[in-house]
Amino acid sequence: MSETRSAQLNELQTDALAELVNLGVSRAALALREMAGEEVVLTVPAISTVSPEQAGEMIGGARIGQLVAVEQSFDGEVSGRALLIFPESNSLELVRAVTGTEATADQLADVAPEALCETGNILLQACLGTMANMLHRTLGISVPHLVRGRAADLFPRAPKSVVLFIYINFSLRGRRVRGYIALLLDLPSMKTLKGLIDEFIARETE
């Protein structure tokens, strides 16, 4: 059995994690609505557990070109890196939606990094914070920063790690933007997370 396969969540664990992520996304939508002054609809259509190489391919691999990501590290009983990832064109579309402007890419150059970091911080903090609270644990979360690169740069080869890969759809001001949340965990952290999810399931079904 491969290390990635042994780290896979079963169906019940995946459903429970999806519930936690959706709670976090709902919190993020409310916060983004305050920032943008418009209703924000966020949906999470799928979650999967994959290797770093598979995560890169799911985003598009070498075909997709430049990616933009907001990155935050987190630590506690479960430690790792959280990334909110967009193809570069989608990231600008998100900035236009959040800021309510139709500006060109050149005109957005000055405001895009700050807008993306703020959006990413709201979303990642909400997801990680909600997961930690519902799992009865605490997490330390770093200040967000913006990274750019290809899929292989965002997901370097790390044989003893896995990626919780979450599709996310934004709908704001009539615009629809698809992005991805990736939680990169080493195998001990993934094992711990699975145990915490099992504890959550047991509490919910008592």
C-alpha atoms as a PDB file:
ATOM      1  CA  MET A   1       0.000   0.000   0.000  1.00  0.00           C
ATOM      2  CA  SER A   2       1.485   3.360  -1.001  1.00  0.00           C
ATOM      3  CA  GLU A   3       1.952   6.088   1.593  1.00  0.00           C
ATOM      4  CA  THR A   4      -0.570   8.301  -0.181  1.00  0.00           C
ATOM      5  CA  ARG A   5      -3.125   5.489  -0.270  1.00  0.00           C
ATOM      6  CA  SER A   6      -2.652   4.805   3.455  1.00  0.00           C
ATOM      7  CA  ALA A   7      -3.311   8.514   4.105  1.00  0.00           C
ATOM      8  CA  GLN A   8      -6.579   8.492   2.154  1.00  0.00           C
ATOM      9  CA  LEU A   9      -9.713   9.505   4.013  1.00  0.00           C
ATOM     10  CA  ASN A  10     -12.538   7.009   3.892  1.00  0.00           C
ATOM     11  CA  GLU A  11     -15.995   8.069   2.706  1.00  0.00           C
ATOM     12  CA  LEU A  12     -17.251   8.930   6.194  1.00  0.00           C
ATOM     13  CA  GLN A  13     -14.120  10.956   6.986  1.00  0.00           C
ATOM     14  CA  THR A  14     -14.339  12.766   3.662  1.00  0.00           C
ATOM     15  CA  ASP A  15     -17.969  13.688   4.288  1.00  0.00           C
ATOM     16  CA  ALA A  16     -17.092  14.975   7.769  1.00  0.00           C
ATOM     17  CA  LEU A  17     -14.189  17.038   6.415  1.00  0.00           C
ATOM     18  CA  ALA A  18     -16.434  18.442   3.683  1.00  0.00           C
ATOM     19  CA  GLU A  19     -18.887  19.508   6.389  1.00  0.00           C
ATOM     20  CA  LEU A  20     -16.109  21.323   8.271  1.00  0.00           C
ATOM     21  CA  VAL A  21     -14.756  22.992   5.138  1.00  0.00           C
ATOM     22  CA  ASN A  22     -18.227  24.135   4.107  1.00  0.00           C
ATOM     23  CA  LEU A  23     -18.783  25.676   7.543  1.00  0.00           C
ATOM     24  CA  GLY A  24     -15.497  27.546   7.149  1.00  0.00           C
ATOM     25  CA  VAL A  25     -16.373  28.650   3.628  1.00  0.00           C
ATOM     26  CA  SER A  26     -19.743  29.946   4.856  1.00  0.00           C
ATOM     27  CA  ARG A  27     -17.937  32.059   7.450  1.00  0.00           C
ATOM     28  CA  ALA A  28     -15.549  33.318   4.780  1.00  0.00           C
ATOM     29  CA  ALA A  29     -18.439  34.259   2.479  1.00  0.00           C
ATOM     30  CA  LEU A  30     -19.910  36.506   5.187  1.00  0.00           C
ATOM     31  CA  ALA A  31     -16.552  38.186   5.790  1.00  0.00           C
ATOM     32  CA  LEU A  32     -15.943  38.680   2.067  1.00  0.00           C
ATOM     33  CA  ARG A  33     -19.426  40.156   1.720  1.00  0.00           C
ATOM     34  CA  GLU A  34     -18.482  42.835   4.260  1.00  0.00           C
ATOM     35  CA  MET A  35     -15.240  43.535   2.395  1.00  0.00           C
ATOM     36  CA  ALA A  36     -16.816  43.641  -1.082  1.00  0.00           C
ATOM     37  CA  GLY A  37     -20.190  45.124  -0.172  1.00  0.00           C
ATOM     38  CA  GLU A  38     -21.896  42.442  -2.269  1.00  0.00           C
ATOM     39  CA  GLU A  39     -23.222  38.955  -1.634  1.00  0.00           C
ATOM     40  CA  VAL A  40     -20.532  36.330  -2.126  1.00  0.00           C
ATOM     41  CA  VAL A  41     -21.433  32.724  -2.903  1.00  0.00           C
ATOM     42  CA  LEU A  42     -18.728  30.144  -2.238  1.00  0.00           C
ATOM     43  CA  THR A  43     -19.183  26.450  -2.920  1.00  0.00           C
ATOM     44  CA  VAL A  44     -16.938  23.427  -2.428  1.00  0.00           C
ATOM     45  CA  PRO A  45     -17.864  20.798  -5.019  1.00  0.00           C
ATOM     46  CA  ALA A  46     -15.113  18.261  -4.257  1.00  0.00           C
ATOM     47  CA  ILE A  47     -12.381  17.247  -1.811  1.00  0.00           C
ATOM     48  CA  SER A  48      -9.699  14.641  -2.459  1.00  0.00           C
ATOM     49  CA  THR A  49      -6.485  13.340  -0.885  1.00  0.00           C
ATOM     50  CA  VAL A  50      -3.609  13.161  -3.363  1.00  0.00           C
ATOM     51  CA  SER A  51       0.174  13.249  -3.654  1.00  0.00           C
ATOM     52  CA  PRO A  52       1.928  16.583  -4.377  1.00  0.00           C
ATOM     53  CA  GLU A  53       2.535  15.413  -7.956  1.00  0.00           C
ATOM     54  CA  GLN A  54      -1.126  14.551  -8.441  1.00  0.00           C
ATOM     55  CA  ALA A  55      -2.154  17.922  -6.983  1.00  0.00           C
ATOM     56  CA  GLY A  56      -0.013  19.694  -9.556  1.00  0.00           C
ATOM     57  CA  GLU A  57      -1.618  17.701 -12.361  1.00  0.00           C
ATOM     58  CA  MET A  58      -5.129  18.397 -11.058  1.00  0.00           C
ATOM     59  CA  ILE A  59      -4.449  22.115 -11.377  1.00  0.00           C
ATOM     60  CA  GLY A  60      -3.215  21.601 -14.911  1.00  0.00           C
ATOM     61  CA  GLY A  61       0.441  20.693 -14.539  1.00  0.00           C
ATOM     62  CA  ALA A  62       2.835  22.249 -17.006  1.00  0.00           C
ATOM     63  CA  ARG A  63      -0.065  23.098 -19.349  1.00  0.00           C
ATOM     64  CA  ILE A  64      -1.624  25.731 -17.090  1.00  0.00           C
ATOM     65  CA  GLY A  65       1.330  28.130 -16.941  1.00  0.00           C
ATOM     66  CA  GLN A  66       1.734  30.694 -14.183  1.00  0.00           C
ATOM     67  CA  LEU A  67      -0.237  30.269 -10.969  1.00  0.00           C
ATOM     68  CA  VAL A  68      -0.847  32.738  -8.166  1.00  0.00           C
ATOM     69  CA  ALA A  69      -1.289  31.521  -4.605  1.00  0.00           C
ATOM     70  CA  VAL A  70      -1.815  32.951  -1.154  1.00  0.00           C
ATOM     71  CA  GLU A  71       0.190  30.830   1.279  1.00  0.00           C
ATOM     72  CA  GLN A  72      -0.058  30.490   5.054  1.00  0.00           C
ATOM     73  CA  SER A  73       1.702  28.036   7.329  1.00  0.00           C
ATOM     74  CA  PHE A  74      -0.138  26.506  10.282  1.00  0.00           C
ATOM     75  CA  ASP A  75       1.115  24.566  13.260  1.00  0.00           C
ATOM     76  CA  GLY A  76      -0.251  22.657  16.209  1.00  0.00           C
ATOM     77  CA  GLU A  77      -1.048  18.965  16.538  1.00  0.00           C
ATOM     78  CA  VAL A  78      -1.526  19.181  12.770  1.00  0.00           C
ATOM     79  CA  SER A  79       1.057  21.271  10.903  1.00  0.00           C
ATOM     80  CA  GLY A  80       1.553  22.158   7.268  1.00  0.00           C
ATOM     81  CA  ARG A  81       1.023  24.751   4.543  1.00  0.00           C
ATOM     82  CA  ALA A  82      -2.279  26.105   3.258  1.00  0.00           C
ATOM     83  CA  LEU A  83      -2.528  27.517  -0.266  1.00  0.00           C
ATOM     84  CA  LEU A  84      -5.359  29.318  -2.048  1.00  0.00           C
ATOM     85  CA  ILE A  85      -4.453  28.896  -5.716  1.00  0.00           C
ATOM     86  CA  PHE A  86      -5.654  30.477  -8.960  1.00  0.00           C
ATOM     87  CA  PRO A  87      -4.428  30.512 -12.534  1.00  0.00           C
ATOM     88  CA  GLU A  88      -3.113  34.051 -13.048  1.00  0.00           C
ATOM     89  CA  SER A  89      -6.034  35.144 -15.263  1.00  0.00           C
ATOM     90  CA  ASN A  90      -8.536  33.889 -12.677  1.00  0.00           C
ATOM     91  CA  SER A  91      -6.741  35.743  -9.902  1.00  0.00           C
ATOM     92  CA  LEU A  92      -7.229  39.041 -11.746  1.00  0.00           C
ATOM     93  CA  GLU A  93     -10.898  38.206 -12.294  1.00  0.00           C
ATOM     94  CA  LEU A  94     -11.249  37.660  -8.557  1.00  0.00           C
ATOM     95  CA  VAL A  95      -9.577  41.002  -7.844  1.00  0.00           C
ATOM     96  CA  ARG A  96     -12.001  42.718 -10.219  1.00  0.00           C
ATOM     97  CA  ALA A  97     -14.918  41.045  -8.447  1.00  0.00           C
ATOM     98  CA  VAL A  98     -13.697  41.916  -4.948  1.00  0.00           C
ATOM     99  CA  THR A  99     -12.792  45.526  -5.791  1.00  0.00           C
ATOM    100  CA  GLY A 100     -15.734  46.156  -8.110  1.00  0.00           C
ATOM    101  CA  THR A 101     -13.584  47.450 -10.934  1.00  0.00           C
ATOM    102  CA  GLU A 102     -13.220  46.646 -14.629  1.00  0.00           C
ATOM    103  CA  ALA A 103      -9.590  47.761 -14.673  1.00  0.00           C
ATOM    104  CA  THR A 104      -7.035  46.183 -16.977  1.00  0.00           C
ATOM    105  CA  ALA A 105      -4.303  43.876 -15.742  1.00  0.00           C
ATOM    106  CA  ASP A 106      -1.779  46.747 -15.841  1.00  0.00           C
ATOM    107  CA  GLN A 107      -4.112  48.970 -13.843  1.00  0.00           C
ATOM    108  CA  LEU A 108      -4.633  46.235 -11.262  1.00  0.00           C
ATOM    109  CA  ALA A 109      -0.919  45.637 -10.758  1.00  0.00           C
ATOM    110  CA  ASP A 110      -0.699  47.851  -7.665  1.00  0.00           C
ATOM    111  CA  VAL A 111      -3.846  46.650  -5.877  1.00  0.00           C
ATOM    112  CA  ALA A 112      -3.899  42.972  -6.882  1.00  0.00           C
ATOM    113  CA  PRO A 113      -1.351  41.617  -4.357  1.00  0.00           C
ATOM    114  CA  GLU A 114      -3.044  43.272  -1.382  1.00  0.00           C
ATOM    115  CA  ALA A 115      -6.547  42.289  -2.531  1.00  0.00           C
ATOM    116  CA  LEU A 116      -5.506  38.679  -3.126  1.00  0.00           C
ATOM    117  CA  CYS A 117      -3.706  38.409   0.222  1.00  0.00           C
ATOM    118  CA  GLU A 118      -6.701  39.857   2.052  1.00  0.00           C
ATOM    119  CA  THR A 119      -9.104  37.510   0.256  1.00  0.00           C
ATOM    120  CA  GLY A 120      -6.839  34.527   0.822  1.00  0.00           C
ATOM    121  CA  ASN A 121      -6.343  35.396   4.467  1.00  0.00           C
ATOM    122  CA  ILE A 122     -10.104  35.601   5.049  1.00  0.00           C
ATOM    123  CA  LEU A 123     -10.771  32.285   3.318  1.00  0.00           C
ATOM    124  CA  LEU A 124      -7.870  30.281   4.710  1.00  0.00           C
ATOM    125  CA  GLN A 125      -8.273  31.639   8.236  1.00  0.00           C
ATOM    126  CA  ALA A 126     -11.991  30.807   8.160  1.00  0.00           C
ATOM    127  CA  CYS A 127     -11.412  27.267   6.909  1.00  0.00           C
ATOM    128  CA  LEU A 128      -8.485  26.469   9.188  1.00  0.00           C
ATOM    129  CA  GLY A 129     -10.045  28.203  12.189  1.00  0.00           C
ATOM    130  CA  THR A 130     -13.377  26.424  11.774  1.00  0.00           C
ATOM    131  CA  MET A 131     -11.694  23.053  11.345  1.00  0.00           C
ATOM    132  CA  ALA A 132      -9.582  23.623  14.475  1.00  0.00           C
ATOM    133  CA  ASN A 133     -12.558  24.764  16.550  1.00  0.00           C
ATOM    134  CA  MET A 134     -14.800  21.902  15.473  1.00  0.00           C
ATOM    135  CA  LEU A 135     -11.994  19.390  16.101  1.00  0.00           C
ATOM    136  CA  HIS A 136     -11.424  20.928  19.561  1.00  0.00           C
ATOM    137  CA  ARG A 137      -7.842  21.942  18.801  1.00  0.00           C
ATOM    138  CA  THR A 138      -5.907  25.181  18.312  1.00  0.00           C
ATOM    139  CA  LEU A 139      -3.736  26.215  15.385  1.00  0.00           C
ATOM    140  CA  GLY A 140      -1.125  28.911  14.993  1.00  0.00           C
ATOM    141  CA  ILE A 141      -1.514  30.505  11.562  1.00  0.00           C
ATOM    142  CA  SER A 142       1.150  32.652   9.899  1.00  0.00           C
ATOM    143  CA  VAL A 143       0.742  35.960   8.076  1.00  0.00           C
ATOM    144  CA  PRO A 144      -0.280  35.344   4.423  1.00  0.00           C
ATOM    145  CA  HIS A 145       2.085  35.975   1.574  1.00  0.00           C
ATOM    146  CA  LEU A 146       1.740  35.800  -2.190  1.00  0.00           C
ATOM    147  CA  VAL A 147       3.675  33.258  -4.244  1.00  0.00           C
ATOM    148  CA  ARG A 148       3.818  32.779  -7.992  1.00  0.00           C
ATOM    149  CA  GLY A 149       5.028  29.865 -10.046  1.00  0.00           C
ATOM    150  CA  ARG A 150       4.074  26.747 -11.912  1.00  0.00           C
ATOM    151  CA  ALA A 151       2.377  23.776 -10.336  1.00  0.00           C
ATOM    152  CA  ALA A 152       5.702  22.028  -9.737  1.00  0.00           C
ATOM    153  CA  ASP A 153       6.925  25.081  -7.794  1.00  0.00           C
ATOM    154  CA  LEU A 154       3.870  25.134  -5.521  1.00  0.00           C
ATOM    155  CA  PHE A 155       3.927  21.367  -4.983  1.00  0.00           C
ATOM    156  CA  PRO A 156       7.590  20.314  -4.780  1.00  0.00           C
ATOM    157  CA  ARG A 157       8.238  16.593  -4.772  1.00  0.00           C
ATOM    158  CA  ALA A 158       7.881  15.395  -1.195  1.00  0.00           C
ATOM    159  CA  PRO A 159       7.400  11.621  -0.976  1.00  0.00           C
ATOM    160  CA  LYS A 160       6.340  11.660   2.686  1.00  0.00           C
ATOM    161  CA  SER A 161       3.580  14.234   2.287  1.00  0.00           C
ATOM    162  CA  VAL A 162       0.007  14.405   1.043  1.00  0.00           C
ATOM    163  CA  VAL A 163      -2.281  17.164  -0.170  1.00  0.00           C
ATOM    164  CA  LEU A 164      -5.887  17.709   0.846  1.00  0.00           C
ATOM    165  CA  PHE A 165      -7.101  19.205  -2.409  1.00  0.00           C
ATOM    166  CA  ILE A 166     -10.298  21.260  -2.326  1.00  0.00           C
ATOM    167  CA  TYR A 167     -12.038  22.781  -5.352  1.00  0.00           C
ATOM    168  CA  ILE A 168     -13.735  26.079  -4.590  1.00  0.00           C
ATOM    169  CA  ASN A 169     -16.045  28.224  -6.698  1.00  0.00           C
ATOM    170  CA  PHE A 170     -16.558  31.966  -6.176  1.00  0.00           C
ATOM    171  CA  SER A 171     -19.604  33.845  -7.409  1.00  0.00           C
ATOM    172  CA  LEU A 172     -19.492  37.624  -6.903  1.00  0.00           C
ATOM    173  CA  ARG A 173     -20.899  40.546  -8.898  1.00  0.00           C
ATOM    174  CA  GLY A 174     -22.018  38.138 -11.613  1.00  0.00           C
ATOM    175  CA  ARG A 175     -18.497  36.748 -12.006  1.00  0.00           C
ATOM    176  CA  ARG A 176     -17.633  33.105 -11.479  1.00  0.00           C
ATOM    177  CA  VAL A 177     -14.102  32.186 -10.526  1.00  0.00           C
ATOM    178  CA  ARG A 178     -12.726  28.705  -9.800  1.00  0.00           C
ATOM    179  CA  GLY A 179      -9.839  28.303  -7.423  1.00  0.00           C
ATOM    180  CA  TYR A 180      -8.290  25.624  -5.275  1.00  0.00           C
ATOM    181  CA  ILE A 181      -7.408  25.234  -1.624  1.00  0.00           C
ATOM    182  CA  ALA A 182      -4.526  22.876  -0.927  1.00  0.00           C
ATOM    183  CA  LEU A 183      -3.475  21.760   2.545  1.00  0.00           C
ATOM    184  CA  LEU A 184       0.000  20.191   2.404  1.00  0.00           C
ATOM    185  CA  LEU A 185       0.610  17.803   5.303  1.00  0.00           C
ATOM    186  CA  ASP A 186       3.339  15.362   6.220  1.00  0.00           C
ATOM    187  CA  LEU A 187       2.218  11.818   6.959  1.00  0.00           C
ATOM    188  CA  PRO A 188       2.283  12.134  10.792  1.00  0.00           C
ATOM    189  CA  SER A 189       0.059  15.234  10.577  1.00  0.00           C
ATOM    190  CA  MET A 190      -2.293  13.468   8.185  1.00  0.00           C
ATOM    191  CA  LYS A 191      -2.532  10.503  10.558  1.00  0.00           C
ATOM    192  CA  THR A 192      -3.308  12.887  13.432  1.00  0.00           C
ATOM    193  CA  LEU A 193      -5.947  14.676  11.352  1.00  0.00           C
ATOM    194  CA  LYS A 194      -7.670  11.395  10.518  1.00  0.00           C
ATOM    195  CA  GLY A 195      -7.818  10.587  14.223  1.00  0.00           C
ATOM    196  CA  LEU A 196      -9.284  13.997  15.043  1.00  0.00           C
ATOM    197  CA  ILE A 197     -11.905  13.594  12.320  1.00  0.00           C
ATOM    198  CA  ASP A 198     -12.847  10.200  13.765  1.00  0.00           C
ATOM    199  CA  GLU A 199     -13.258  11.843  17.192  1.00  0.00           C
ATOM    200  CA  PHE A 200     -15.463  14.526  15.596  1.00  0.00           C
ATOM    201  CA  ILE A 201     -17.620  11.870  13.923  1.00  0.00           C
ATOM    202  CA  ALA A 202     -17.973  10.009  17.212  1.00  0.00           C
ATOM    203  CA  ARG A 203     -19.113  13.194  19.015  1.00  0.00           C
ATOM    204  CA  GLU A 204     -21.609  14.026  16.278  1.00  0.00           C
ATOM    205  CA  THR A 205     -23.143  10.553  16.302  1.00  0.00           C
ATOM    206  CA  GLU A 206     -23.445  10.075  20.067  1.00  0.00           C
END
